[in-house]
Amino acid sequence: MLRGMTEPRFHALPDGRRIACRHTPGTGPALVFLPGYKSDMAGSKACAVFDWARAQGRACLLLDYSGCGQSAGTDFGGDFADGTLSRWRDEVLSLIAAHCPGPVTLVGSSMGGWLMLLVALAIPGQIHALVGIAAAPDFTDWGTSPERQAELAAGRRVFADNPYGTEPTPTHPGFWADGQAQRLLGGDIALTCPVRLLHGQQDLDVPWDVSLQLAQRLCSDDVQVTLIKDGDHRLSREADIALLLRTVAALP
């Protein structure tokens, strides 16, 4: 939990969706944390970045995508089954426009690492830097078996075992189809800002060589990949979070 956590505010979109967020003002570049698939802004990494930013007098924005966390439910117009990368990217862009008028550093975890690339490509002139934590671009492709892809292409949702909870993790056809249209690793990624990629070599969800592929595809000359030999997918141990905060603090 955030120390001294305040109630979230809600950002209204034109179609009636209300996106939960927390913002602390301060100097820039503003830090914007993008959670992973079915995750939210109450996660330990997001909370740590927010607390660090507030202690340093840095601006920081946390958010829950529609259908996730405190943005879920009919009162907020958020059904997880309607979520796609494009939809969530546009929500992030709207929140940045509302709260972060200057340069921003995007910090993306797992799926949030794919989303940070899509957001950065939409507003490249505003992006100061990127920090990926087990970034997972294109996981609808390499992370989905041909059999499951066939089910999704036929309009049927599929489920996977969830090591982090009791309920299986769903993938909906709309999310998968949009993800396939948003793949990035097949060509150059036209971003030239500093990029830092952290990845555990014991990650059972996102192979660590995905970060190496991403580093190769980015057009930036300032890309560093840090591999944590005993690190898992979450990278939420005390030492992992300390590394994340050191990485953010050391950005040029």
C-alpha atoms as a PDB file:
ATOM      1  CA  MET A   1       0.000   0.000   0.000  1.00  0.00           C
ATOM      2  CA  LEU A   2       1.075   3.571  -0.590  1.00  0.00           C
ATOM      3  CA  ARG A   3       2.228   5.299   2.548  1.00  0.00           C
ATOM      4  CA  GLY A   4      -0.346   7.954   3.328  1.00  0.00           C
ATOM      5  CA  MET A   5      -2.449   6.664   0.433  1.00  0.00           C
ATOM      6  CA  THR A   6      -5.177   9.029  -0.617  1.00  0.00           C
ATOM      7  CA  GLU A   7      -8.384   8.110  -2.380  1.00  0.00           C
ATOM      8  CA  PRO A   8      -7.973   7.896  -6.161  1.00  0.00           C
ATOM      9  CA  ARG A   9      -9.361  10.535  -8.437  1.00  0.00           C
ATOM     10  CA  PHE A  10     -11.278   9.557 -11.555  1.00  0.00           C
ATOM     11  CA  HIS A  11     -10.553  10.851 -15.032  1.00  0.00           C
ATOM     12  CA  ALA A  12     -13.639  10.977 -17.243  1.00  0.00           C
ATOM     13  CA  LEU A  13     -13.386  10.029 -20.911  1.00  0.00           C
ATOM     14  CA  PRO A  14     -15.847  11.308 -23.546  1.00  0.00           C
ATOM     15  CA  ASP A  15     -17.657   7.948 -23.764  1.00  0.00           C
ATOM     16  CA  GLY A  16     -18.349   7.890 -20.016  1.00  0.00           C
ATOM     17  CA  ARG A  17     -15.504   5.654 -18.877  1.00  0.00           C
ATOM     18  CA  ARG A  18     -13.926   6.787 -15.620  1.00  0.00           C
ATOM     19  CA  ILE A  19     -10.293   5.870 -15.133  1.00  0.00           C
ATOM     20  CA  ALA A  20      -8.922   5.635 -11.591  1.00  0.00           C
ATOM     21  CA  CYS A  21      -5.590   7.345 -11.076  1.00  0.00           C
ATOM     22  CA  ARG A  22      -3.309   8.835  -8.449  1.00  0.00           C
ATOM     23  CA  HIS A  23      -1.109  11.822  -9.164  1.00  0.00           C
ATOM     24  CA  THR A  24       1.499  13.586  -7.115  1.00  0.00           C
ATOM     25  CA  PRO A  25       2.756  16.920  -8.489  1.00  0.00           C
ATOM     26  CA  GLY A  26       6.423  17.813  -8.630  1.00  0.00           C
ATOM     27  CA  THR A  27       9.337  18.388 -10.913  1.00  0.00           C
ATOM     28  CA  GLY A  28       9.802  16.480 -14.122  1.00  0.00           C
ATOM     29  CA  PRO A  29      10.171  14.417 -16.072  1.00  0.00           C
ATOM     30  CA  ALA A  30       6.957  12.977 -14.668  1.00  0.00           C
ATOM     31  CA  LEU A  31       7.020   9.251 -13.966  1.00  0.00           C
ATOM     32  CA  VAL A  32       4.077   7.289 -15.386  1.00  0.00           C
ATOM     33  CA  PHE A  33       3.762   3.664 -14.257  1.00  0.00           C
ATOM     34  CA  LEU A  34       1.977   1.213 -16.570  1.00  0.00           C
ATOM     35  CA  PRO A  35       0.904  -2.060 -14.897  1.00  0.00           C
ATOM     36  CA  GLY A  36       0.841  -5.480 -16.486  1.00  0.00           C
ATOM     37  CA  TYR A  37      -2.040  -7.619 -17.734  1.00  0.00           C
ATOM     38  CA  LYS A  38      -4.825  -7.822 -15.123  1.00  0.00           C
ATOM     39  CA  SER A  39      -2.641  -5.863 -12.715  1.00  0.00           C
ATOM     40  CA  ASP A  40      -3.279  -2.443 -11.199  1.00  0.00           C
ATOM     41  CA  MET A  41      -1.711   0.560  -9.511  1.00  0.00           C
ATOM     42  CA  ALA A  42      -1.778  -1.085  -6.061  1.00  0.00           C
ATOM     43  CA  GLY A  43       1.119  -3.396  -7.008  1.00  0.00           C
ATOM     44  CA  SER A  44       4.356  -3.185  -5.064  1.00  0.00           C
ATOM     45  CA  LYS A  45       6.438  -1.784  -7.927  1.00  0.00           C
ATOM     46  CA  ALA A  46       3.926   0.943  -8.755  1.00  0.00           C
ATOM     47  CA  CYS A  47       3.643   1.892  -5.077  1.00  0.00           C
ATOM     48  CA  ALA A  48       7.417   1.978  -4.686  1.00  0.00           C
ATOM     49  CA  VAL A  49       7.852   4.260  -7.690  1.00  0.00           C
ATOM     50  CA  PHE A  50       5.093   6.567  -6.421  1.00  0.00           C
ATOM     51  CA  ASP A  51       6.528   6.753  -2.904  1.00  0.00           C
ATOM     52  CA  TRP A  52      10.036   7.380  -4.255  1.00  0.00           C
ATOM     53  CA  ALA A  53       8.801  10.103  -6.588  1.00  0.00           C
ATOM     54  CA  ARG A  54       6.874  11.831  -3.832  1.00  0.00           C
ATOM     55  CA  ALA A  55       9.899  11.711  -1.511  1.00  0.00           C
ATOM     56  CA  GLN A  56      12.078  13.197  -4.267  1.00  0.00           C
ATOM     57  CA  GLY A  57       9.586  15.900  -5.206  1.00  0.00           C
ATOM     58  CA  ARG A  58       9.066  14.288  -8.618  1.00  0.00           C
ATOM     59  CA  ALA A  59       5.764  14.249 -10.435  1.00  0.00           C
ATOM     60  CA  CYS A  60       4.250  10.764 -10.750  1.00  0.00           C
ATOM     61  CA  LEU A  61       1.081   9.287 -12.200  1.00  0.00           C
ATOM     62  CA  LEU A  62      -0.406   5.871 -11.449  1.00  0.00           C
ATOM     63  CA  LEU A  63      -3.525   4.500 -13.138  1.00  0.00           C
ATOM     64  CA  ASP A  64      -5.812   1.511 -13.519  1.00  0.00           C
ATOM     65  CA  TYR A  65      -6.820   0.668 -17.084  1.00  0.00           C
ATOM     66  CA  SER A  66     -10.552   0.340 -17.714  1.00  0.00           C
ATOM     67  CA  GLY A  67     -11.778  -3.006 -16.460  1.00  0.00           C
ATOM     68  CA  CYS A  68      -8.882  -3.266 -14.012  1.00  0.00           C
ATOM     69  CA  GLY A  69      -8.477  -2.420 -10.346  1.00  0.00           C
ATOM     70  CA  GLN A  70     -10.567   0.548  -9.283  1.00  0.00           C
ATOM     71  CA  SER A  71     -11.548   1.314 -12.888  1.00  0.00           C
ATOM     72  CA  ALA A  72     -13.550  -1.923 -13.103  1.00  0.00           C
ATOM     73  CA  GLY A  73     -17.308  -2.277 -12.844  1.00  0.00           C
ATOM     74  CA  THR A  74     -20.419  -0.856 -14.423  1.00  0.00           C
ATOM     75  CA  ASP A  75     -20.166   2.365 -12.419  1.00  0.00           C
ATOM     76  CA  PHE A  76     -16.956   3.171 -14.288  1.00  0.00           C
ATOM     77  CA  GLY A  77     -17.798   1.791 -17.726  1.00  0.00           C
ATOM     78  CA  GLY A  78     -14.983  -0.709 -17.434  1.00  0.00           C
ATOM     79  CA  ASP A  79     -15.339  -4.357 -18.444  1.00  0.00           C
ATOM     80  CA  PHE A  80     -12.065  -6.265 -18.702  1.00  0.00           C
ATOM     81  CA  ALA A  81     -13.461  -8.229 -21.656  1.00  0.00           C
ATOM     82  CA  ASP A  82     -13.518  -4.975 -23.648  1.00  0.00           C
ATOM     83  CA  GLY A  83      -9.887  -4.165 -22.912  1.00  0.00           C
ATOM     84  CA  THR A  84      -7.342  -3.943 -25.709  1.00  0.00           C
ATOM     85  CA  LEU A  85      -3.900  -2.440 -26.066  1.00  0.00           C
ATOM     86  CA  SER A  86      -5.327   0.301 -28.293  1.00  0.00           C
ATOM     87  CA  ARG A  87      -8.075   1.132 -25.792  1.00  0.00           C
ATOM     88  CA  TRP A  88      -5.674   1.221 -22.837  1.00  0.00           C
ATOM     89  CA  ARG A  89      -3.070   3.175 -24.824  1.00  0.00           C
ATOM     90  CA  ASP A  90      -5.640   5.852 -25.537  1.00  0.00           C
ATOM     91  CA  GLU A  91      -6.615   5.964 -21.855  1.00  0.00           C
ATOM     92  CA  VAL A  92      -2.976   6.481 -20.888  1.00  0.00           C
ATOM     93  CA  LEU A  93      -2.589   9.220 -23.499  1.00  0.00           C
ATOM     94  CA  SER A  94      -5.679  10.998 -22.162  1.00  0.00           C
ATOM     95  CA  LEU A  95      -4.379  10.856 -18.591  1.00  0.00           C
ATOM     96  CA  ILE A  96      -0.931  12.113 -19.626  1.00  0.00           C
ATOM     97  CA  ALA A  97      -2.548  15.010 -21.480  1.00  0.00           C
ATOM     98  CA  ALA A  98      -4.561  15.869 -18.361  1.00  0.00           C
ATOM     99  CA  HIS A  99      -1.844  15.526 -15.725  1.00  0.00           C
ATOM    100  CA  CYS A 100       1.608  15.586 -17.328  1.00  0.00           C
ATOM    101  CA  PRO A 101       2.035  18.501 -19.751  1.00  0.00           C
ATOM    102  CA  GLY A 102       5.839  18.239 -19.861  1.00  0.00           C
ATOM    103  CA  PRO A 103       8.338  15.446 -20.499  1.00  0.00           C
ATOM    104  CA  VAL A 104       7.474  12.006 -19.139  1.00  0.00           C
ATOM    105  CA  THR A 105       9.353   8.829 -18.310  1.00  0.00           C
ATOM    106  CA  LEU A 106       7.239   5.725 -18.832  1.00  0.00           C
ATOM    107  CA  VAL A 107       7.814   2.723 -16.576  1.00  0.00           C
ATOM    108  CA  GLY A 108       6.105  -0.378 -17.956  1.00  0.00           C
ATOM    109  CA  SER A 109       5.799  -3.806 -16.331  1.00  0.00           C
ATOM    110  CA  SER A 110       5.237  -6.904 -18.497  1.00  0.00           C
ATOM    111  CA  MET A 111       2.295  -6.002 -20.779  1.00  0.00           C
ATOM    112  CA  GLY A 112       2.825  -2.436 -19.547  1.00  0.00           C
ATOM    113  CA  GLY A 113       6.226  -2.632 -21.243  1.00  0.00           C
ATOM    114  CA  TRP A 114       4.486  -3.242 -24.575  1.00  0.00           C
ATOM    115  CA  LEU A 115       2.000  -0.504 -23.823  1.00  0.00           C
ATOM    116  CA  MET A 116       4.767   1.986 -22.963  1.00  0.00           C
ATOM    117  CA  LEU A 117       6.196   1.493 -26.463  1.00  0.00           C
ATOM    118  CA  LEU A 118       2.816   2.154 -28.078  1.00  0.00           C
ATOM    119  CA  VAL A 119       2.278   5.251 -25.933  1.00  0.00           C
ATOM    120  CA  ALA A 120       5.781   6.512 -26.700  1.00  0.00           C
ATOM    121  CA  LEU A 121       5.278   6.030 -30.437  1.00  0.00           C
ATOM    122  CA  ALA A 122       2.117   8.147 -30.190  1.00  0.00           C
ATOM    123  CA  ILE A 123       3.841  11.073 -28.407  1.00  0.00           C
ATOM    124  CA  PRO A 124       7.582  10.646 -29.119  1.00  0.00           C
ATOM    125  CA  GLY A 125       8.383  14.314 -28.591  1.00  0.00           C
ATOM    126  CA  GLN A 126       7.129  14.171 -25.004  1.00  0.00           C
ATOM    127  CA  ILE A 127       9.002  11.025 -23.977  1.00  0.00           C
ATOM    128  CA  HIS A 128      12.125  11.557 -21.888  1.00  0.00           C
ATOM    129  CA  ALA A 129      12.954   7.891 -21.231  1.00  0.00           C
ATOM    130  CA  LEU A 130      11.527   4.372 -20.971  1.00  0.00           C
ATOM    131  CA  VAL A 131      12.041   1.747 -18.275  1.00  0.00           C
ATOM    132  CA  GLY A 132      10.791  -1.765 -19.007  1.00  0.00           C
ATOM    133  CA  ILE A 133      10.382  -4.448 -16.337  1.00  0.00           C
ATOM    134  CA  ALA A 134      10.111  -7.844 -18.049  1.00  0.00           C
ATOM    135  CA  ALA A 135       8.704  -5.966 -21.039  1.00  0.00           C
ATOM    136  CA  ALA A 136       6.475  -8.228 -23.127  1.00  0.00           C
ATOM    137  CA  PRO A 137       5.901  -6.771 -26.608  1.00  0.00           C
ATOM    138  CA  ASP A 138       4.134  -9.116 -29.036  1.00  0.00           C
ATOM    139  CA  PHE A 139       3.145 -11.666 -26.367  1.00  0.00           C
ATOM    140  CA  THR A 140      -0.143 -12.345 -28.164  1.00  0.00           C
ATOM    141  CA  ASP A 141       2.086 -13.953 -30.793  1.00  0.00           C
ATOM    142  CA  TRP A 142       5.074 -15.656 -29.156  1.00  0.00           C
ATOM    143  CA  GLY A 143       3.208 -16.237 -25.869  1.00  0.00           C
ATOM    144  CA  THR A 144       0.151 -17.911 -27.408  1.00  0.00           C
ATOM    145  CA  SER A 145       0.224 -21.423 -28.839  1.00  0.00           C
ATOM    146  CA  PRO A 146      -1.056 -22.022 -32.380  1.00  0.00           C
ATOM    147  CA  GLU A 147      -3.994 -23.981 -30.921  1.00  0.00           C
ATOM    148  CA  ARG A 148      -5.001 -21.094 -28.670  1.00  0.00           C
ATOM    149  CA  GLN A 149      -4.524 -18.608 -31.485  1.00  0.00           C
ATOM    150  CA  ALA A 150      -6.925 -20.645 -33.599  1.00  0.00           C
ATOM    151  CA  GLU A 151      -9.516 -20.561 -30.791  1.00  0.00           C
ATOM    152  CA  LEU A 152      -9.111 -16.794 -30.403  1.00  0.00           C
ATOM    153  CA  ALA A 153      -9.274 -16.209 -34.149  1.00  0.00           C
ATOM    154  CA  ALA A 154     -12.589 -18.098 -34.116  1.00  0.00           C
ATOM    155  CA  GLY A 155     -13.927 -15.659 -31.517  1.00  0.00           C
ATOM    156  CA  ARG A 156     -13.573 -17.859 -28.442  1.00  0.00           C
ATOM    157  CA  ARG A 157     -11.796 -16.757 -25.279  1.00  0.00           C
ATOM    158  CA  VAL A 158      -9.132 -18.977 -23.773  1.00  0.00           C
ATOM    159  CA  PHE A 159      -7.829 -19.437 -20.242  1.00  0.00           C
ATOM    160  CA  ALA A 160      -4.375 -20.038 -18.824  1.00  0.00           C
ATOM    161  CA  ASP A 161      -3.203 -21.180 -15.410  1.00  0.00           C
ATOM    162  CA  ASN A 162      -2.606 -18.246 -13.095  1.00  0.00           C
ATOM    163  CA  PRO A 163       0.376 -18.695 -10.741  1.00  0.00           C
ATOM    164  CA  TYR A 164      -0.499 -15.427  -8.980  1.00  0.00           C
ATOM    165  CA  GLY A 165      -4.133 -16.100  -8.062  1.00  0.00           C
ATOM    166  CA  THR A 166      -6.915 -18.662  -7.778  1.00  0.00           C
ATOM    167  CA  GLU A 167      -8.784 -17.779 -10.973  1.00  0.00           C
ATOM    168  CA  PRO A 168      -7.425 -18.720 -14.428  1.00  0.00           C
ATOM    169  CA  THR A 169      -6.262 -15.835 -16.596  1.00  0.00           C
ATOM    170  CA  PRO A 170      -8.555 -15.131 -19.561  1.00  0.00           C
ATOM    171  CA  THR A 171      -7.546 -13.877 -22.974  1.00  0.00           C
ATOM    172  CA  HIS A 172     -10.412 -12.397 -24.960  1.00  0.00           C
ATOM    173  CA  PRO A 173     -10.568 -12.499 -28.772  1.00  0.00           C
ATOM    174  CA  GLY A 174     -10.681  -8.709 -29.072  1.00  0.00           C
ATOM    175  CA  PHE A 175      -7.530  -8.246 -27.007  1.00  0.00           C
ATOM    176  CA  TRP A 176      -5.684 -10.911 -28.964  1.00  0.00           C
ATOM    177  CA  ALA A 177      -6.691  -9.547 -32.378  1.00  0.00           C
ATOM    178  CA  ASP A 178      -5.699  -6.009 -31.406  1.00  0.00           C
ATOM    179  CA  GLY A 179      -2.399  -7.273 -30.027  1.00  0.00           C
ATOM    180  CA  GLN A 180      -1.616  -9.049 -33.258  1.00  0.00           C
ATOM    181  CA  ALA A 181      -2.197  -5.768 -35.096  1.00  0.00           C
ATOM    182  CA  GLN A 182       0.149  -3.922 -32.689  1.00  0.00           C
ATOM    183  CA  ARG A 183       3.204  -6.180 -32.956  1.00  0.00           C
ATOM    184  CA  LEU A 184       6.516  -4.332 -32.913  1.00  0.00           C
ATOM    185  CA  LEU A 185       9.386  -6.813 -32.911  1.00  0.00           C
ATOM    186  CA  GLY A 186       9.214  -7.484 -36.652  1.00  0.00           C
ATOM    187  CA  GLY A 187      10.870  -4.182 -37.582  1.00  0.00           C
ATOM    188  CA  ASP A 188      12.607  -1.080 -36.312  1.00  0.00           C
ATOM    189  CA  ILE A 189      10.945   0.744 -33.420  1.00  0.00           C
ATOM    190  CA  ALA A 190      11.305   4.462 -34.096  1.00  0.00           C
ATOM    191  CA  LEU A 191      12.133   5.638 -30.589  1.00  0.00           C
ATOM    192  CA  THR A 192      15.393   7.430 -29.843  1.00  0.00           C
ATOM    193  CA  CYS A 193      15.079   8.217 -26.114  1.00  0.00           C
ATOM    194  CA  PRO A 194      17.106   6.478 -23.384  1.00  0.00           C
ATOM    195  CA  VAL A 195      15.728   3.005 -22.620  1.00  0.00           C
ATOM    196  CA  ARG A 196      16.470   0.749 -19.656  1.00  0.00           C
ATOM    197  CA  LEU A 197      15.250  -2.857 -19.680  1.00  0.00           C
ATOM    198  CA  LEU A 198      15.260  -5.034 -16.543  1.00  0.00           C
ATOM    199  CA  HIS A 199      14.584  -8.760 -16.891  1.00  0.00           C
ATOM    200  CA  GLY A 200      14.880 -11.803 -14.641  1.00  0.00           C
ATOM    201  CA  GLN A 201      16.517 -14.865 -16.130  1.00  0.00           C
ATOM    202  CA  GLN A 202      14.176 -17.122 -14.130  1.00  0.00           C
ATOM    203  CA  ASP A 203      11.127 -15.467 -15.725  1.00  0.00           C
ATOM    204  CA  LEU A 204       8.695 -18.241 -16.646  1.00  0.00           C
ATOM    205  CA  ASP A 205       6.204 -15.891 -18.356  1.00  0.00           C
ATOM    206  CA  VAL A 206       8.323 -13.658 -20.602  1.00  0.00           C
ATOM    207  CA  PRO A 207      11.609 -15.137 -21.879  1.00  0.00           C
ATOM    208  CA  TRP A 208      14.477 -12.783 -21.094  1.00  0.00           C
ATOM    209  CA  ASP A 209      15.647 -12.821 -24.688  1.00  0.00           C
ATOM    210  CA  VAL A 210      12.546 -10.748 -25.507  1.00  0.00           C
ATOM    211  CA  SER A 211      14.339  -7.796 -23.883  1.00  0.00           C
ATOM    212  CA  LEU A 212      17.380  -8.502 -26.051  1.00  0.00           C
ATOM    213  CA  GLN A 213      15.192  -8.553 -29.166  1.00  0.00           C
ATOM    214  CA  LEU A 214      13.577  -5.301 -28.090  1.00  0.00           C
ATOM    215  CA  ALA A 215      16.951  -3.662 -27.504  1.00  0.00           C
ATOM    216  CA  GLN A 216      17.994  -4.634 -31.017  1.00  0.00           C
ATOM    217  CA  ARG A 217      14.813  -3.263 -32.607  1.00  0.00           C
ATOM    218  CA  LEU A 218      14.848   0.114 -30.836  1.00  0.00           C
ATOM    219  CA  CYS A 219      16.415   2.890 -32.896  1.00  0.00           C
ATOM    220  CA  SER A 220      17.848   4.548 -29.787  1.00  0.00           C
ATOM    221  CA  ASP A 221      21.601   4.277 -29.257  1.00  0.00           C
ATOM    222  CA  ASP A 222      21.099   4.619 -25.497  1.00  0.00           C
ATOM    223  CA  VAL A 223      19.626   1.231 -24.588  1.00  0.00           C
ATOM    224  CA  GLN A 224      20.800  -0.836 -21.632  1.00  0.00           C
ATOM    225  CA  VAL A 225      19.582  -4.313 -20.669  1.00  0.00           C
ATOM    226  CA  THR A 226      20.073  -5.544 -17.098  1.00  0.00           C
ATOM    227  CA  LEU A 227      19.599  -9.279 -16.529  1.00  0.00           C
ATOM    228  CA  ILE A 228      18.938 -10.501 -12.996  1.00  0.00           C
ATOM    229  CA  LYS A 229      20.164 -14.104 -12.883  1.00  0.00           C
ATOM    230  CA  ASP A 230      17.875 -15.251 -10.074  1.00  0.00           C
ATOM    231  CA  GLY A 231      15.019 -12.863 -10.897  1.00  0.00           C
ATOM    232  CA  ASP A 232      11.507 -14.082 -11.669  1.00  0.00           C
ATOM    233  CA  HIS A 233       8.813 -12.436 -13.755  1.00  0.00           C
ATOM    234  CA  ARG A 234       7.511 -10.097 -11.090  1.00  0.00           C
ATOM    235  CA  LEU A 235      10.861  -8.649  -9.956  1.00  0.00           C
ATOM    236  CA  SER A 236       9.118  -7.528  -6.771  1.00  0.00           C
ATOM    237  CA  ARG A 237      11.656  -8.559  -4.159  1.00  0.00           C
ATOM    238  CA  GLU A 238      13.217  -5.821  -2.064  1.00  0.00           C
ATOM    239  CA  ALA A 239      16.455  -6.033  -4.045  1.00  0.00           C
ATOM    240  CA  ASP A 240      14.562  -5.954  -7.363  1.00  0.00           C
ATOM    241  CA  ILE A 241      12.620  -2.838  -6.373  1.00  0.00           C
ATOM    242  CA  ALA A 242      15.824  -1.180  -5.150  1.00  0.00           C
ATOM    243  CA  LEU A 243      17.348  -1.877  -8.585  1.00  0.00           C
ATOM    244  CA  LEU A 244      14.300  -0.377 -10.287  1.00  0.00           C
ATOM    245  CA  LEU A 245      14.519   2.797  -8.214  1.00  0.00           C
ATOM    246  CA  ARG A 246      18.277   3.106  -8.817  1.00  0.00           C
ATOM    247  CA  THR A 247      17.626   2.696 -12.531  1.00  0.00           C
ATOM    248  CA  VAL A 248      14.995   5.454 -12.541  1.00  0.00           C
ATOM    249  CA  ALA A 249      17.184   7.754 -10.435  1.00  0.00           C
ATOM    250  CA  ALA A 250      20.199   7.306 -12.743  1.00  0.00           C
ATOM    251  CA  LEU A 251      18.409   8.202 -15.976  1.00  0.00           C
ATOM    252  CA  PRO A 252      20.105  11.076 -17.785  1.00  0.00           C
END
